[in-house]
Amino acid sequence: MNQELIRMIINERQWSWSIIGLVVIIIGLSVRMFFLTDVLHVMKIRNRSWYKRTLTYYQKKSILGWFFFACFVLGVIFLWRFEAFFLKYLNFLEWMLIFISVFFLSLFFHMRAYARSIVEALLENVELDKEL
């Protein structure tokens, strides 16, 4: 059963791009969560208000990370769906290296956004403590 399903996904690319896209999104978000969960979990345990402020700042600063993540997902989907067009320019492995590089750029920009958000939340709390 599983081998038949895998053969269908590989051979019928006109509909299987959605399955590939879903798998890529799940894997990408899992890797992102793996890198960021420890920092966020510790911050959430220590002080919920700092955590909420950090998330607020992060949402403003993470647009570039989400842009690269979308480029990664769409690139893999388009490579899967229109492989013949893409392979005119580079081979499959070269395209995958490009898309994995874009994914790592996405991770870098997400971690950078979290780091900046944490610094802003700390600075805001330090300013509030001085006023008291």
N, C-alpha and C. Protein backbone atom coordinates (compact mmCIF):
# COMPACT_ATOMS: atom_id res chain seq x y z
N MET A 1 0.83 -1.20 0.00
CA MET A 1 0.00 0.00 0.00
C MET A 1 0.86 1.25 0.00
N ASN A 2 1.85 1.31 0.90
CA ASN A 2 2.70 2.48 0.97
C ASN A 2 3.55 2.65 -0.27
N GLN A 3 4.03 1.54 -0.83
CA GLN A 3 4.84 1.63 -2.04
C GLN A 3 4.01 2.13 -3.23
N GLU A 4 2.76 1.71 -3.30
CA GLU A 4 1.88 2.19 -4.37
C GLU A 4 1.63 3.69 -4.23
N LEU A 5 1.40 4.14 -3.02
CA LEU A 5 1.16 5.56 -2.77
C LEU A 5 2.40 6.38 -3.12
N ILE A 6 3.57 5.89 -2.74
CA ILE A 6 4.81 6.61 -3.06
C ILE A 6 5.02 6.66 -4.57
N ARG A 7 4.74 5.56 -5.26
CA ARG A 7 4.85 5.56 -6.73
C ARG A 7 3.88 6.55 -7.37
N MET A 8 2.66 6.61 -6.84
CA MET A 8 1.68 7.56 -7.37
C MET A 8 2.15 9.00 -7.14
N ILE A 9 2.67 9.28 -5.97
CA ILE A 9 3.15 10.64 -5.68
C ILE A 9 4.30 11.01 -6.61
N ILE A 10 5.22 10.09 -6.83
CA ILE A 10 6.36 10.38 -7.68
C ILE A 10 5.96 10.51 -9.14
N ASN A 11 5.04 9.69 -9.62
CA ASN A 11 4.69 9.67 -11.04
C ASN A 11 3.62 10.69 -11.43
N GLU A 12 2.74 11.04 -10.53
CA GLU A 12 1.63 11.95 -10.87
C GLU A 12 1.85 13.31 -10.21
N ARG A 13 2.72 14.09 -10.80
CA ARG A 13 3.14 15.35 -10.21
C ARG A 13 2.11 16.47 -10.35
N GLN A 14 1.10 16.28 -11.18
CA GLN A 14 0.10 17.33 -11.34
C GLN A 14 -0.74 17.51 -10.08
N TRP A 15 -0.86 16.50 -9.25
CA TRP A 15 -1.59 16.65 -7.98
C TRP A 15 -0.71 16.44 -6.75
N SER A 16 0.40 15.75 -6.91
CA SER A 16 1.21 15.42 -5.73
C SER A 16 2.04 16.58 -5.22
N TRP A 17 2.07 17.71 -5.94
CA TRP A 17 2.82 18.87 -5.46
C TRP A 17 2.26 19.36 -4.13
N SER A 18 0.95 19.18 -3.92
CA SER A 18 0.37 19.64 -2.65
C SER A 18 0.85 18.79 -1.48
N ILE A 19 1.03 17.51 -1.69
CA ILE A 19 1.55 16.63 -0.63
C ILE A 19 3.01 16.99 -0.34
N ILE A 20 3.78 17.21 -1.39
CA ILE A 20 5.18 17.61 -1.21
C ILE A 20 5.24 18.94 -0.48
N GLY A 21 4.40 19.88 -0.85
CA GLY A 21 4.36 21.18 -0.17
C GLY A 21 4.04 21.05 1.30
N LEU A 22 3.07 20.22 1.62
CA LEU A 22 2.69 20.00 3.02
C LEU A 22 3.84 19.37 3.81
N VAL A 23 4.50 18.40 3.22
CA VAL A 23 5.64 17.75 3.89
C VAL A 23 6.78 18.76 4.10
N VAL A 24 7.05 19.59 3.10
CA VAL A 24 8.11 20.59 3.22
C VAL A 24 7.77 21.61 4.31
N ILE A 25 6.53 22.05 4.39
CA ILE A 25 6.12 22.99 5.42
C ILE A 25 6.27 22.37 6.81
N ILE A 26 5.82 21.14 6.96
CA ILE A 26 5.92 20.47 8.26
C ILE A 26 7.38 20.29 8.67
N ILE A 27 8.21 19.85 7.75
CA ILE A 27 9.63 19.67 8.07
C ILE A 27 10.28 21.02 8.39
N GLY A 28 9.99 22.03 7.58
CA GLY A 28 10.58 23.35 7.81
C GLY A 28 10.18 23.95 9.14
N LEU A 29 8.90 23.87 9.48
CA LEU A 29 8.46 24.41 10.77
C LEU A 29 8.99 23.59 11.94
N SER A 30 9.17 22.29 11.74
CA SER A 30 9.74 21.46 12.81
C SER A 30 11.19 21.84 13.08
N VAL A 31 11.96 22.04 12.02
CA VAL A 31 13.36 22.44 12.19
C VAL A 31 13.43 23.82 12.85
N ARG A 32 12.60 24.74 12.41
CA ARG A 32 12.55 26.08 13.01
C ARG A 32 12.21 25.99 14.49
N MET A 33 11.23 25.17 14.82
CA MET A 33 10.82 25.00 16.20
C MET A 33 11.95 24.36 17.02
N PHE A 34 12.68 23.43 16.43
CA PHE A 34 13.80 22.79 17.12
C PHE A 34 14.84 23.82 17.55
N PHE A 35 15.14 24.79 16.67
CA PHE A 35 16.14 25.79 16.99
C PHE A 35 15.65 26.84 17.99
N LEU A 36 14.37 27.15 17.96
CA LEU A 36 13.88 28.27 18.75
C LEU A 36 13.15 27.88 20.03
N THR A 37 12.75 26.64 20.18
CA THR A 37 11.93 26.24 21.31
C THR A 37 12.63 26.43 22.65
N ASP A 38 13.90 26.07 22.74
CA ASP A 38 14.60 26.18 24.01
C ASP A 38 14.62 27.61 24.54
N VAL A 39 14.96 28.54 23.68
CA VAL A 39 15.03 29.94 24.09
C VAL A 39 13.66 30.43 24.54
N LEU A 40 12.66 30.15 23.77
CA LEU A 40 11.33 30.65 24.08
C LEU A 40 10.74 29.97 25.31
N HIS A 41 11.01 28.68 25.47
CA HIS A 41 10.48 27.95 26.62
C HIS A 41 11.07 28.49 27.93
N VAL A 42 12.39 28.72 27.94
CA VAL A 42 13.03 29.27 29.14
C VAL A 42 12.49 30.66 29.45
N MET A 43 12.33 31.48 28.42
CA MET A 43 11.82 32.83 28.64
C MET A 43 10.38 32.80 29.15
N LYS A 44 9.59 31.91 28.63
CA LYS A 44 8.19 31.81 29.05
C LYS A 44 8.09 31.37 30.50
N ILE A 45 8.95 30.46 30.92
CA ILE A 45 8.94 29.99 32.30
C ILE A 45 9.37 31.11 33.25
N ARG A 46 10.38 31.86 32.88
CA ARG A 46 10.94 32.89 33.76
C ARG A 46 9.99 34.07 33.96
N ASN A 47 9.46 34.59 32.85
CA ASN A 47 8.65 35.80 32.97
C ASN A 47 7.70 35.88 31.77
N ARG A 48 6.42 35.69 32.01
CA ARG A 48 5.43 35.68 30.91
C ARG A 48 5.30 37.05 30.25
N SER A 49 5.41 38.12 31.00
CA SER A 49 5.25 39.44 30.40
C SER A 49 6.40 39.74 29.43
N TRP A 50 7.63 39.32 29.78
CA TRP A 50 8.74 39.49 28.86
C TRP A 50 8.54 38.65 27.61
N TYR A 51 8.02 37.45 27.81
CA TYR A 51 7.75 36.56 26.68
C TYR A 51 6.73 37.19 25.72
N LYS A 52 5.67 37.75 26.27
CA LYS A 52 4.64 38.37 25.42
C LYS A 52 5.19 39.58 24.69
N ARG A 53 5.98 40.39 25.39
CA ARG A 53 6.60 41.56 24.73
C ARG A 53 7.55 41.11 23.63
N THR A 54 8.32 40.08 23.90
CA THR A 54 9.25 39.57 22.90
C THR A 54 8.50 39.09 21.67
N LEU A 55 7.40 38.37 21.87
CA LEU A 55 6.62 37.91 20.71
C LEU A 55 6.03 39.07 19.93
N THR A 56 5.61 40.11 20.63
CA THR A 56 5.07 41.29 19.95
C THR A 56 6.14 41.93 19.06
N TYR A 57 7.33 42.10 19.61
CA TYR A 57 8.43 42.68 18.82
C TYR A 57 8.84 41.74 17.69
N TYR A 58 8.83 40.44 17.97
CA TYR A 58 9.23 39.45 16.96
C TYR A 58 8.31 39.49 15.75
N GLN A 59 7.03 39.65 15.97
CA GLN A 59 6.09 39.65 14.86
C GLN A 59 6.37 40.80 13.90
N LYS A 60 6.90 41.89 14.40
CA LYS A 60 7.24 43.02 13.54
C LYS A 60 8.55 42.79 12.78
N LYS A 61 9.45 42.05 13.37
CA LYS A 61 10.79 41.90 12.81
C LYS A 61 10.99 40.63 12.00
N SER A 62 10.04 39.74 11.99
CA SER A 62 10.24 38.42 11.37
C SER A 62 9.78 38.33 9.92
N ILE A 63 9.40 39.41 9.33
CA ILE A 63 8.86 39.37 7.96
C ILE A 63 9.88 38.81 6.98
N LEU A 64 11.13 39.21 7.11
CA LEU A 64 12.16 38.72 6.19
C LEU A 64 12.36 37.21 6.32
N GLY A 65 12.33 36.70 7.54
CA GLY A 65 12.45 35.25 7.75
C GLY A 65 11.30 34.49 7.12
N TRP A 66 10.08 35.01 7.28
CA TRP A 66 8.92 34.35 6.68
C TRP A 66 8.95 34.45 5.15
N PHE A 67 9.50 35.55 4.62
CA PHE A 67 9.63 35.68 3.17
C PHE A 67 10.55 34.59 2.61
N PHE A 68 11.69 34.39 3.25
CA PHE A 68 12.62 33.35 2.78
C PHE A 68 12.04 31.96 2.99
N PHE A 69 11.28 31.77 4.06
CA PHE A 69 10.63 30.47 4.26
C PHE A 69 9.62 30.21 3.13
N ALA A 70 8.85 31.23 2.75
CA ALA A 70 7.89 31.08 1.65
C ALA A 70 8.62 30.80 0.33
N CYS A 71 9.75 31.46 0.11
CA CYS A 71 10.54 31.19 -1.10
C CYS A 71 11.03 29.75 -1.12
N PHE A 72 11.45 29.25 0.02
CA PHE A 72 11.90 27.86 0.13
C PHE A 72 10.76 26.90 -0.22
N VAL A 73 9.60 27.10 0.41
CA VAL A 73 8.47 26.19 0.18
C VAL A 73 8.00 26.27 -1.27
N LEU A 74 7.80 27.47 -1.77
CA LEU A 74 7.34 27.62 -3.16
C LEU A 74 8.37 27.10 -4.15
N GLY A 75 9.65 27.32 -3.87
CA GLY A 75 10.70 26.81 -4.76
C GLY A 75 10.67 25.29 -4.86
N VAL A 76 10.54 24.62 -3.73
CA VAL A 76 10.50 23.15 -3.74
C VAL A 76 9.24 22.67 -4.46
N ILE A 77 8.11 23.33 -4.20
CA ILE A 77 6.86 22.94 -4.87
C ILE A 77 6.98 23.11 -6.38
N PHE A 78 7.49 24.26 -6.82
CA PHE A 78 7.62 24.50 -8.26
C PHE A 78 8.64 23.55 -8.89
N LEU A 79 9.72 23.27 -8.18
CA LEU A 79 10.69 22.30 -8.70
C LEU A 79 10.04 20.94 -8.86
N TRP A 80 9.24 20.55 -7.90
CA TRP A 80 8.56 19.25 -7.98
C TRP A 80 7.56 19.23 -9.13
N ARG A 81 6.78 20.27 -9.26
CA ARG A 81 5.70 20.29 -10.25
C ARG A 81 6.22 20.50 -11.67
N PHE A 82 7.19 21.39 -11.83
CA PHE A 82 7.70 21.74 -13.16
C PHE A 82 9.18 21.38 -13.29
N GLU A 83 9.49 20.16 -12.95
CA GLU A 83 10.88 19.72 -12.91
C GLU A 83 11.58 19.89 -14.26
N ALA A 84 10.91 19.59 -15.34
CA ALA A 84 11.53 19.67 -16.67
C ALA A 84 11.98 21.10 -16.98
N PHE A 85 11.19 22.07 -16.59
CA PHE A 85 11.56 23.47 -16.83
C PHE A 85 12.79 23.85 -16.01
N PHE A 86 12.81 23.48 -14.74
CA PHE A 86 13.92 23.83 -13.86
C PHE A 86 15.22 23.14 -14.26
N LEU A 87 15.10 21.89 -14.72
CA LEU A 87 16.30 21.12 -15.04
C LEU A 87 16.99 21.59 -16.31
N LYS A 88 16.37 22.50 -17.05
CA LYS A 88 17.05 23.11 -18.20
C LYS A 88 18.23 23.95 -17.74
N TYR A 89 18.16 24.50 -16.55
CA TYR A 89 19.15 25.46 -16.07
C TYR A 89 20.17 24.83 -15.12
N LEU A 90 19.71 24.07 -14.16
CA LEU A 90 20.59 23.40 -13.20
C LEU A 90 20.06 21.98 -12.96
N ASN A 91 20.88 21.12 -12.39
CA ASN A 91 20.37 19.79 -12.09
C ASN A 91 19.62 19.81 -10.75
N PHE A 92 18.99 18.70 -10.44
CA PHE A 92 18.12 18.62 -9.27
C PHE A 92 18.87 18.92 -7.97
N LEU A 93 20.07 18.36 -7.83
CA LEU A 93 20.86 18.56 -6.62
C LEU A 93 21.24 20.03 -6.43
N GLU A 94 21.61 20.70 -7.51
CA GLU A 94 21.96 22.12 -7.42
C GLU A 94 20.76 22.96 -6.99
N TRP A 95 19.59 22.65 -7.54
CA TRP A 95 18.39 23.38 -7.12
C TRP A 95 18.09 23.14 -5.65
N MET A 96 18.22 21.89 -5.20
CA MET A 96 17.97 21.60 -3.79
C MET A 96 18.97 22.31 -2.89
N LEU A 97 20.21 22.42 -3.29
CA LEU A 97 21.19 23.17 -2.51
C LEU A 97 20.81 24.65 -2.41
N ILE A 98 20.31 25.19 -3.50
CA ILE A 98 19.84 26.59 -3.48
C ILE A 98 18.67 26.74 -2.51
N PHE A 99 17.71 25.84 -2.59
CA PHE A 99 16.53 25.96 -1.72
C PHE A 99 16.87 25.69 -0.26
N ILE A 100 17.78 24.78 0.01
CA ILE A 100 18.20 24.55 1.39
C ILE A 100 18.96 25.77 1.92
N SER A 101 19.74 26.42 1.07
CA SER A 101 20.41 27.66 1.48
C SER A 101 19.40 28.74 1.82
N VAL A 102 18.35 28.83 1.03
CA VAL A 102 17.29 29.80 1.30
C VAL A 102 16.61 29.46 2.63
N PHE A 103 16.43 28.18 2.90
CA PHE A 103 15.83 27.77 4.16
C PHE A 103 16.72 28.17 5.34
N PHE A 104 18.02 27.97 5.22
CA PHE A 104 18.92 28.37 6.30
C PHE A 104 18.95 29.89 6.47
N LEU A 105 18.82 30.63 5.38
CA LEU A 105 18.68 32.08 5.49
C LEU A 105 17.42 32.43 6.28
N SER A 106 16.36 31.70 6.02
CA SER A 106 15.12 31.90 6.77
C SER A 106 15.34 31.67 8.26
N LEU A 107 16.01 30.57 8.61
CA LEU A 107 16.31 30.29 10.02
C LEU A 107 17.16 31.39 10.63
N PHE A 108 18.16 31.85 9.88
CA PHE A 108 19.02 32.91 10.38
C PHE A 108 18.22 34.18 10.67
N PHE A 109 17.34 34.56 9.76
CA PHE A 109 16.56 35.78 9.97
C PHE A 109 15.54 35.63 11.09
N HIS A 110 15.01 34.42 11.29
CA HIS A 110 14.10 34.19 12.42
C HIS A 110 14.86 34.31 13.74
N MET A 111 16.03 33.70 13.81
CA MET A 111 16.80 33.78 15.05
C MET A 111 17.27 35.20 15.31
N ARG A 112 17.62 35.90 14.27
CA ARG A 112 18.02 37.31 14.42
C ARG A 112 16.85 38.15 14.92
N ALA A 113 15.67 37.90 14.39
CA ALA A 113 14.49 38.64 14.83
C ALA A 113 14.19 38.35 16.30
N TYR A 114 14.31 37.09 16.72
CA TYR A 114 14.10 36.77 18.13
C TYR A 114 15.15 37.44 19.01
N ALA A 115 16.40 37.43 18.58
CA ALA A 115 17.45 38.05 19.38
C ALA A 115 17.20 39.55 19.54
N ARG A 116 16.85 40.22 18.47
CA ARG A 116 16.55 41.65 18.55
C ARG A 116 15.32 41.90 19.41
N SER A 117 14.35 41.04 19.32
CA SER A 117 13.14 41.20 20.12
C SER A 117 13.43 41.03 21.60
N ILE A 118 14.28 40.08 21.93
CA ILE A 118 14.65 39.86 23.32
C ILE A 118 15.38 41.09 23.86
N VAL A 119 16.29 41.64 23.06
CA VAL A 119 17.03 42.83 23.49
C VAL A 119 16.07 44.00 23.70
N GLU A 120 15.14 44.19 22.80
CA GLU A 120 14.18 45.29 22.97
C GLU A 120 13.31 45.10 24.20
N ALA A 121 12.88 43.87 24.45
CA ALA A 121 12.07 43.61 25.65
C ALA A 121 12.89 43.87 26.91
N LEU A 122 14.17 43.47 26.92
CA LEU A 122 15.03 43.73 28.07
C LEU A 122 15.23 45.23 28.28
N LEU A 123 15.49 45.95 27.21
CA LEU A 123 15.68 47.40 27.33
C LEU A 123 14.42 48.08 27.85
N GLU A 124 13.28 47.63 27.38
CA GLU A 124 12.02 48.21 27.85
C GLU A 124 11.83 47.94 29.34
N ASN A 125 12.15 46.74 29.79
CA ASN A 125 12.01 46.41 31.21
C ASN A 125 13.02 47.17 32.07
N VAL A 126 14.22 47.39 31.55
CA VAL A 126 15.22 48.16 32.29
C VAL A 126 14.74 49.60 32.43
N GLU A 127 14.20 50.18 31.38
CA GLU A 127 13.66 51.54 31.45
C GLU A 127 12.50 51.64 32.44
N LEU A 128 11.64 50.64 32.46
CA LEU A 128 10.54 50.65 33.41
C LEU A 128 11.02 50.54 34.84
N ASP A 129 12.08 49.75 35.07
CA ASP A 129 12.63 49.62 36.42
C ASP A 129 13.26 50.93 36.90
N LYS A 130 13.88 51.67 35.99
CA LYS A 130 14.49 52.95 36.38
C LYS A 130 13.42 53.96 36.79
N GLU A 131 12.28 53.92 36.13
CA GLU A 131 11.22 54.86 36.46
C GLU A 131 10.62 54.58 37.83
N LEU A 132 10.60 53.34 38.24
CA LEU A 132 10.05 52.98 39.54
C LEU A 132 10.99 53.42 40.61
